[in-house]
Amino acid sequence: MKILGIRTDWALNEYRKLHDTYGGIGYYRIHKPLQTLGQETIGKAISGLATYDDLIDGYDAVIVKPLDNEAGAKLIYTCLKKGVKLIIDMDDNLFEGRESHEFYNELAPGAKKRKIVSAFCSFADAMICST
């Protein structure tokens, strides 16, 4: 099985882009496990791509963190169209956060982002939940 890991946190910061370094999520949760398995990872701002057809061609599965934007919808569509398994790495339980957490309001019950992340996760063929 050929797996592609998408380290979406790579593009969040200009220093990471310039030095091709990873944030904790991308490095420890996507890159290192797939490197150990001899699989490929990319650090790419996937939200700017018009289509994901070329991105996932030749892969049997894609591993990515939960997405809450148009990139997630495009990835779901392309995986379904091409028969590529979508695996989501869920670092934290986004659906049971404390009210004191800085992102609580974005993911509180009834919040728009919570609905988008929930919908994205519902299309997963598998999830990795380690914490």
N, C-alpha and C. Protein backbone atom coordinates (compact mmCIF):
# COMPACT_ATOMS: atom_id res chain seq x y z
N MET A 1 0.84 -1.17 0.00
CA MET A 1 0.00 0.00 0.00
C MET A 1 0.89 1.24 0.00
N LYS A 2 0.58 2.18 -0.85
CA LYS A 2 1.34 3.44 -0.93
C LYS A 2 0.50 4.54 -0.27
N ILE A 3 1.10 5.19 0.75
CA ILE A 3 0.38 6.18 1.55
C ILE A 3 1.03 7.54 1.41
N LEU A 4 0.22 8.57 1.27
CA LEU A 4 0.69 9.95 1.24
C LEU A 4 0.24 10.64 2.52
N GLY A 5 1.17 11.24 3.23
CA GLY A 5 0.84 12.05 4.41
C GLY A 5 0.94 13.51 4.06
N ILE A 6 -0.08 14.27 4.38
CA ILE A 6 -0.07 15.71 4.09
C ILE A 6 0.13 16.45 5.40
N ARG A 7 1.28 17.12 5.52
CA ARG A 7 1.62 17.89 6.72
C ARG A 7 1.13 19.31 6.54
N THR A 8 -0.12 19.57 6.82
CA THR A 8 -0.70 20.88 6.53
C THR A 8 -0.15 21.98 7.41
N ASP A 9 0.46 21.65 8.55
CA ASP A 9 0.99 22.70 9.42
C ASP A 9 2.29 23.28 8.89
N TRP A 10 2.88 22.66 7.88
CA TRP A 10 4.13 23.13 7.29
C TRP A 10 3.98 24.54 6.76
N ALA A 11 2.85 24.87 6.19
CA ALA A 11 2.67 26.15 5.50
C ALA A 11 2.17 27.27 6.42
N LEU A 12 2.00 27.00 7.69
CA LEU A 12 1.42 28.01 8.57
C LEU A 12 2.39 29.12 8.94
N ASN A 13 3.63 28.98 8.63
CA ASN A 13 4.61 29.89 9.18
C ASN A 13 5.74 30.08 8.16
N GLU A 14 6.13 31.31 7.93
CA GLU A 14 7.14 31.62 6.92
C GLU A 14 8.49 30.97 7.22
N TYR A 15 8.87 30.90 8.49
CA TYR A 15 10.13 30.25 8.86
C TYR A 15 10.12 28.79 8.43
N ARG A 16 9.00 28.09 8.68
CA ARG A 16 8.90 26.68 8.30
C ARG A 16 9.01 26.52 6.79
N LYS A 17 8.36 27.40 6.05
CA LYS A 17 8.44 27.32 4.59
C LYS A 17 9.88 27.52 4.11
N LEU A 18 10.53 28.55 4.64
CA LEU A 18 11.88 28.89 4.22
C LEU A 18 12.88 27.79 4.54
N HIS A 19 12.76 27.18 5.71
CA HIS A 19 13.72 26.17 6.16
C HIS A 19 13.21 24.74 6.01
N ASP A 20 12.03 24.57 5.43
CA ASP A 20 11.41 23.25 5.24
C ASP A 20 11.42 22.46 6.55
N THR A 21 10.98 23.10 7.61
CA THR A 21 10.88 22.43 8.90
C THR A 21 9.42 22.15 9.21
N TYR A 22 9.19 21.37 10.22
CA TYR A 22 7.85 20.93 10.56
C TYR A 22 7.43 21.51 11.90
N GLY A 23 6.13 21.64 12.07
CA GLY A 23 5.59 21.88 13.40
C GLY A 23 5.40 20.53 14.06
N GLY A 24 5.02 20.53 15.31
CA GLY A 24 4.85 19.28 16.05
C GLY A 24 3.85 18.34 15.41
N ILE A 25 2.72 18.86 14.97
CA ILE A 25 1.68 18.01 14.38
C ILE A 25 2.23 17.32 13.13
N GLY A 26 2.76 18.11 12.23
CA GLY A 26 3.26 17.54 10.98
C GLY A 26 4.40 16.58 11.16
N TYR A 27 5.32 16.92 12.04
CA TYR A 27 6.51 16.10 12.21
C TYR A 27 6.24 14.81 12.96
N TYR A 28 5.66 14.92 14.14
CA TYR A 28 5.49 13.75 14.99
C TYR A 28 4.28 12.90 14.64
N ARG A 29 3.27 13.49 14.07
CA ARG A 29 2.04 12.75 13.84
C ARG A 29 1.88 12.28 12.40
N ILE A 30 2.56 12.91 11.46
CA ILE A 30 2.44 12.51 10.05
C ILE A 30 3.79 12.05 9.51
N HIS A 31 4.79 12.94 9.53
CA HIS A 31 6.06 12.64 8.87
C HIS A 31 6.81 11.44 9.47
N LYS A 32 7.07 11.45 10.77
CA LYS A 32 7.87 10.39 11.38
C LYS A 32 7.23 9.00 11.25
N PRO A 33 5.94 8.84 11.57
CA PRO A 33 5.36 7.49 11.40
C PRO A 33 5.43 6.99 9.96
N LEU A 34 5.15 7.87 8.99
CA LEU A 34 5.19 7.43 7.60
C LEU A 34 6.62 7.21 7.13
N GLN A 35 7.56 8.00 7.62
CA GLN A 35 8.97 7.78 7.29
C GLN A 35 9.41 6.40 7.76
N THR A 36 8.99 6.02 8.95
CA THR A 36 9.32 4.71 9.50
C THR A 36 8.77 3.59 8.61
N LEU A 37 7.62 3.82 8.01
CA LEU A 37 7.00 2.83 7.13
C LEU A 37 7.52 2.93 5.69
N GLY A 38 8.44 3.87 5.45
CA GLY A 38 8.97 4.03 4.10
C GLY A 38 7.99 4.70 3.16
N GLN A 39 7.09 5.51 3.70
CA GLN A 39 6.07 6.18 2.90
C GLN A 39 6.41 7.66 2.74
N GLU A 40 5.72 8.32 1.85
CA GLU A 40 6.01 9.70 1.50
C GLU A 40 5.13 10.68 2.28
N THR A 41 5.73 11.82 2.62
CA THR A 41 4.96 12.93 3.18
C THR A 41 5.29 14.19 2.40
N ILE A 42 4.34 15.09 2.36
CA ILE A 42 4.59 16.38 1.73
C ILE A 42 4.16 17.48 2.68
N GLY A 43 4.86 18.58 2.62
CA GLY A 43 4.46 19.78 3.34
C GLY A 43 3.98 20.76 2.29
N LYS A 44 2.71 21.00 2.26
CA LYS A 44 2.18 21.79 1.17
C LYS A 44 0.93 22.52 1.62
N ALA A 45 0.77 23.74 1.14
CA ALA A 45 -0.47 24.48 1.38
C ALA A 45 -1.48 23.97 0.36
N ILE A 46 -2.22 22.95 0.72
CA ILE A 46 -3.11 22.30 -0.25
C ILE A 46 -4.34 23.14 -0.56
N SER A 47 -4.65 24.13 0.26
CA SER A 47 -5.87 24.91 0.03
C SER A 47 -5.77 25.73 -1.25
N GLY A 48 -4.57 26.01 -1.75
CA GLY A 48 -4.43 26.81 -2.96
C GLY A 48 -4.51 26.01 -4.26
N LEU A 49 -4.56 24.71 -4.17
CA LEU A 49 -4.60 23.88 -5.37
C LEU A 49 -5.99 23.87 -5.98
N ALA A 50 -6.08 23.94 -7.29
CA ALA A 50 -7.37 23.92 -7.97
C ALA A 50 -7.98 22.53 -7.92
N THR A 51 -7.15 21.51 -8.05
CA THR A 51 -7.61 20.13 -8.02
C THR A 51 -6.60 19.28 -7.27
N TYR A 52 -7.05 18.19 -6.71
CA TYR A 52 -6.16 17.29 -5.98
C TYR A 52 -5.89 16.01 -6.76
N ASP A 53 -6.35 15.94 -8.00
CA ASP A 53 -6.14 14.75 -8.80
C ASP A 53 -4.66 14.38 -8.90
N ASP A 54 -3.83 15.33 -9.28
CA ASP A 54 -2.39 15.06 -9.42
C ASP A 54 -1.73 14.79 -8.07
N LEU A 55 -2.22 15.44 -7.02
CA LEU A 55 -1.64 15.29 -5.69
C LEU A 55 -1.71 13.85 -5.20
N ILE A 56 -2.85 13.20 -5.40
CA ILE A 56 -3.02 11.85 -4.83
C ILE A 56 -2.93 10.72 -5.85
N ASP A 57 -2.63 11.06 -7.10
CA ASP A 57 -2.45 10.00 -8.11
C ASP A 57 -1.38 9.03 -7.66
N GLY A 58 -1.66 7.75 -7.76
CA GLY A 58 -0.69 6.72 -7.44
C GLY A 58 -0.67 6.30 -5.99
N TYR A 59 -1.53 6.89 -5.15
CA TYR A 59 -1.58 6.53 -3.73
C TYR A 59 -2.83 5.72 -3.44
N ASP A 60 -2.72 4.83 -2.47
CA ASP A 60 -3.86 4.03 -2.02
C ASP A 60 -4.57 4.69 -0.86
N ALA A 61 -3.85 5.54 -0.11
CA ALA A 61 -4.42 6.19 1.07
C ALA A 61 -3.74 7.54 1.30
N VAL A 62 -4.49 8.42 1.94
CA VAL A 62 -3.99 9.73 2.32
C VAL A 62 -4.25 9.90 3.81
N ILE A 63 -3.23 10.37 4.54
CA ILE A 63 -3.40 10.67 5.96
C ILE A 63 -3.27 12.18 6.13
N VAL A 64 -4.22 12.77 6.84
CA VAL A 64 -4.24 14.21 7.05
C VAL A 64 -4.94 14.51 8.37
N LYS A 65 -4.67 15.67 8.93
CA LYS A 65 -5.40 16.09 10.13
C LYS A 65 -6.80 16.53 9.71
N PRO A 66 -7.73 16.70 10.65
CA PRO A 66 -9.07 17.17 10.28
C PRO A 66 -8.99 18.54 9.61
N LEU A 67 -9.69 18.70 8.52
CA LEU A 67 -9.71 19.97 7.80
C LEU A 67 -11.07 20.63 7.97
N ASP A 68 -11.06 21.95 8.03
CA ASP A 68 -12.31 22.68 8.26
C ASP A 68 -12.53 23.75 7.20
N ASN A 69 -12.09 23.46 5.99
CA ASN A 69 -12.19 24.46 4.93
C ASN A 69 -12.46 23.79 3.59
N GLU A 70 -12.40 24.58 2.53
CA GLU A 70 -12.67 24.07 1.19
C GLU A 70 -11.69 22.95 0.80
N ALA A 71 -10.48 23.01 1.33
CA ALA A 71 -9.49 21.97 1.04
C ALA A 71 -10.01 20.60 1.46
N GLY A 72 -10.70 20.55 2.59
CA GLY A 72 -11.26 19.29 3.06
C GLY A 72 -12.30 18.73 2.10
N ALA A 73 -13.16 19.60 1.62
CA ALA A 73 -14.19 19.16 0.67
C ALA A 73 -13.57 18.64 -0.62
N LYS A 74 -12.56 19.34 -1.12
CA LYS A 74 -11.88 18.90 -2.34
C LYS A 74 -11.17 17.56 -2.13
N LEU A 75 -10.55 17.41 -0.96
CA LEU A 75 -9.85 16.16 -0.68
C LEU A 75 -10.82 14.99 -0.59
N ILE A 76 -11.94 15.18 0.09
CA ILE A 76 -12.97 14.14 0.18
C ILE A 76 -13.44 13.75 -1.21
N TYR A 77 -13.79 14.74 -2.01
CA TYR A 77 -14.29 14.49 -3.36
C TYR A 77 -13.29 13.69 -4.19
N THR A 78 -12.02 14.11 -4.14
CA THR A 78 -11.00 13.44 -4.95
C THR A 78 -10.73 12.02 -4.46
N CYS A 79 -10.69 11.84 -3.15
CA CYS A 79 -10.48 10.48 -2.61
C CYS A 79 -11.63 9.56 -3.02
N LEU A 80 -12.85 10.04 -2.91
CA LEU A 80 -14.00 9.21 -3.32
C LEU A 80 -13.95 8.90 -4.80
N LYS A 81 -13.65 9.90 -5.61
CA LYS A 81 -13.61 9.72 -7.06
C LYS A 81 -12.54 8.72 -7.48
N LYS A 82 -11.39 8.76 -6.81
CA LYS A 82 -10.26 7.91 -7.20
C LYS A 82 -10.16 6.61 -6.40
N GLY A 83 -11.05 6.44 -5.42
CA GLY A 83 -11.00 5.22 -4.61
C GLY A 83 -9.83 5.19 -3.64
N VAL A 84 -9.35 6.36 -3.24
CA VAL A 84 -8.22 6.47 -2.30
C VAL A 84 -8.79 6.58 -0.88
N LYS A 85 -8.26 5.78 0.02
CA LYS A 85 -8.73 5.79 1.42
C LYS A 85 -8.30 7.09 2.10
N LEU A 86 -9.21 7.67 2.87
CA LEU A 86 -8.94 8.89 3.63
C LEU A 86 -8.80 8.51 5.09
N ILE A 87 -7.61 8.77 5.64
CA ILE A 87 -7.32 8.47 7.04
C ILE A 87 -7.08 9.80 7.75
N ILE A 88 -7.78 10.02 8.83
CA ILE A 88 -7.65 11.27 9.57
C ILE A 88 -6.91 11.00 10.87
N ASP A 89 -5.90 11.81 11.12
CA ASP A 89 -5.16 11.74 12.37
C ASP A 89 -5.75 12.79 13.31
N MET A 90 -6.45 12.33 14.33
CA MET A 90 -7.13 13.22 15.28
C MET A 90 -6.27 13.31 16.53
N ASP A 91 -5.53 14.40 16.67
CA ASP A 91 -4.62 14.57 17.80
C ASP A 91 -5.39 14.71 19.11
N ASP A 92 -6.34 15.59 19.14
CA ASP A 92 -7.12 15.84 20.35
C ASP A 92 -8.60 15.61 20.06
N ASN A 93 -9.36 15.39 21.10
CA ASN A 93 -10.80 15.27 20.93
C ASN A 93 -11.37 16.68 20.76
N LEU A 94 -11.55 17.07 19.53
CA LEU A 94 -12.02 18.42 19.22
C LEU A 94 -13.46 18.66 19.66
N PHE A 95 -14.18 17.60 19.92
CA PHE A 95 -15.61 17.73 20.18
C PHE A 95 -15.96 17.78 21.67
N GLU A 96 -14.97 17.65 22.54
CA GLU A 96 -15.22 17.71 23.97
C GLU A 96 -14.19 18.60 24.67
N GLY A 97 -13.95 19.77 24.08
CA GLY A 97 -12.98 20.69 24.66
C GLY A 97 -13.54 21.45 25.85
N ARG A 98 -12.65 21.96 26.65
CA ARG A 98 -13.05 22.77 27.81
C ARG A 98 -13.40 24.18 27.37
N GLU A 99 -14.29 24.79 28.07
CA GLU A 99 -14.69 26.16 27.75
C GLU A 99 -13.53 27.14 27.87
N SER A 100 -12.52 26.80 28.66
CA SER A 100 -11.36 27.68 28.83
C SER A 100 -10.38 27.61 27.65
N HIS A 101 -10.55 26.62 26.76
CA HIS A 101 -9.65 26.46 25.62
C HIS A 101 -9.87 27.61 24.63
N GLU A 102 -8.77 28.10 24.05
CA GLU A 102 -8.86 29.26 23.16
C GLU A 102 -9.74 29.02 21.93
N PHE A 103 -9.90 27.79 21.50
CA PHE A 103 -10.72 27.50 20.33
C PHE A 103 -12.10 26.95 20.68
N TYR A 104 -12.47 26.98 21.94
CA TYR A 104 -13.73 26.37 22.35
C TYR A 104 -14.91 26.93 21.57
N ASN A 105 -15.00 28.24 21.44
CA ASN A 105 -16.17 28.83 20.77
C ASN A 105 -16.28 28.40 19.32
N GLU A 106 -15.15 28.19 18.66
CA GLU A 106 -15.18 27.74 17.26
C GLU A 106 -15.68 26.31 17.14
N LEU A 107 -15.45 25.50 18.17
CA LEU A 107 -15.82 24.09 18.11
C LEU A 107 -16.92 23.71 19.10
N ALA A 108 -17.56 24.71 19.70
CA ALA A 108 -18.65 24.44 20.64
C ALA A 108 -19.83 23.81 19.91
N PRO A 109 -20.67 23.06 20.64
CA PRO A 109 -21.86 22.48 20.00
C PRO A 109 -22.66 23.55 19.25
N GLY A 110 -22.98 23.27 18.01
CA GLY A 110 -23.74 24.19 17.18
C GLY A 110 -22.89 25.15 16.36
N ALA A 111 -21.60 25.26 16.65
CA ALA A 111 -20.73 26.19 15.92
C ALA A 111 -20.50 25.69 14.49
N LYS A 112 -20.36 26.62 13.57
CA LYS A 112 -20.18 26.28 12.16
C LYS A 112 -18.95 25.40 11.93
N LYS A 113 -17.81 25.77 12.53
CA LYS A 113 -16.58 25.01 12.31
C LYS A 113 -16.73 23.58 12.83
N ARG A 114 -17.43 23.40 13.93
CA ARG A 114 -17.66 22.06 14.47
C ARG A 114 -18.43 21.21 13.47
N LYS A 115 -19.43 21.81 12.84
CA LYS A 115 -20.22 21.08 11.84
C LYS A 115 -19.37 20.69 10.64
N ILE A 116 -18.48 21.59 10.22
CA ILE A 116 -17.63 21.31 9.07
C ILE A 116 -16.64 20.18 9.40
N VAL A 117 -15.99 20.28 10.57
CA VAL A 117 -15.03 19.24 10.98
C VAL A 117 -15.76 17.90 11.16
N SER A 118 -16.94 17.93 11.74
CA SER A 118 -17.72 16.69 11.92
C SER A 118 -18.04 16.06 10.58
N ALA A 119 -18.46 16.88 9.62
CA ALA A 119 -18.78 16.35 8.29
C ALA A 119 -17.53 15.76 7.64
N PHE A 120 -16.40 16.46 7.75
CA PHE A 120 -15.15 15.96 7.17
C PHE A 120 -14.80 14.60 7.78
N CYS A 121 -14.89 14.51 9.08
CA CYS A 121 -14.54 13.26 9.77
C CYS A 121 -15.49 12.12 9.39
N SER A 122 -16.72 12.46 9.06
CA SER A 122 -17.69 11.40 8.72
C SER A 122 -17.33 10.69 7.41
N PHE A 123 -16.48 11.29 6.60
CA PHE A 123 -16.06 10.67 5.34
C PHE A 123 -14.80 9.83 5.48
N ALA A 124 -14.23 9.81 6.65
CA ALA A 124 -12.98 9.06 6.85
C ALA A 124 -13.20 7.56 6.72
N ASP A 125 -12.25 6.91 6.09
CA ASP A 125 -12.25 5.45 6.05
C ASP A 125 -11.67 4.89 7.32
N ALA A 126 -10.82 5.69 7.98
CA ALA A 126 -10.21 5.29 9.25
C ALA A 126 -9.75 6.55 9.98
N MET A 127 -9.60 6.41 11.30
CA MET A 127 -9.07 7.51 12.10
C MET A 127 -7.98 6.99 13.02
N ILE A 128 -7.00 7.82 13.24
CA ILE A 128 -5.96 7.53 14.22
C ILE A 128 -6.21 8.50 15.37
N CYS A 129 -6.46 7.96 16.55
CA CYS A 129 -6.76 8.78 17.74
C CYS A 129 -5.86 8.31 18.87
N SER A 130 -4.76 9.02 19.07
CA SER A 130 -3.79 8.54 20.05
C SER A 130 -3.88 9.23 21.41
N THR A 131 -4.55 10.36 21.49
CA THR A 131 -4.63 11.05 22.77
C THR A 131 -6.06 11.25 23.21
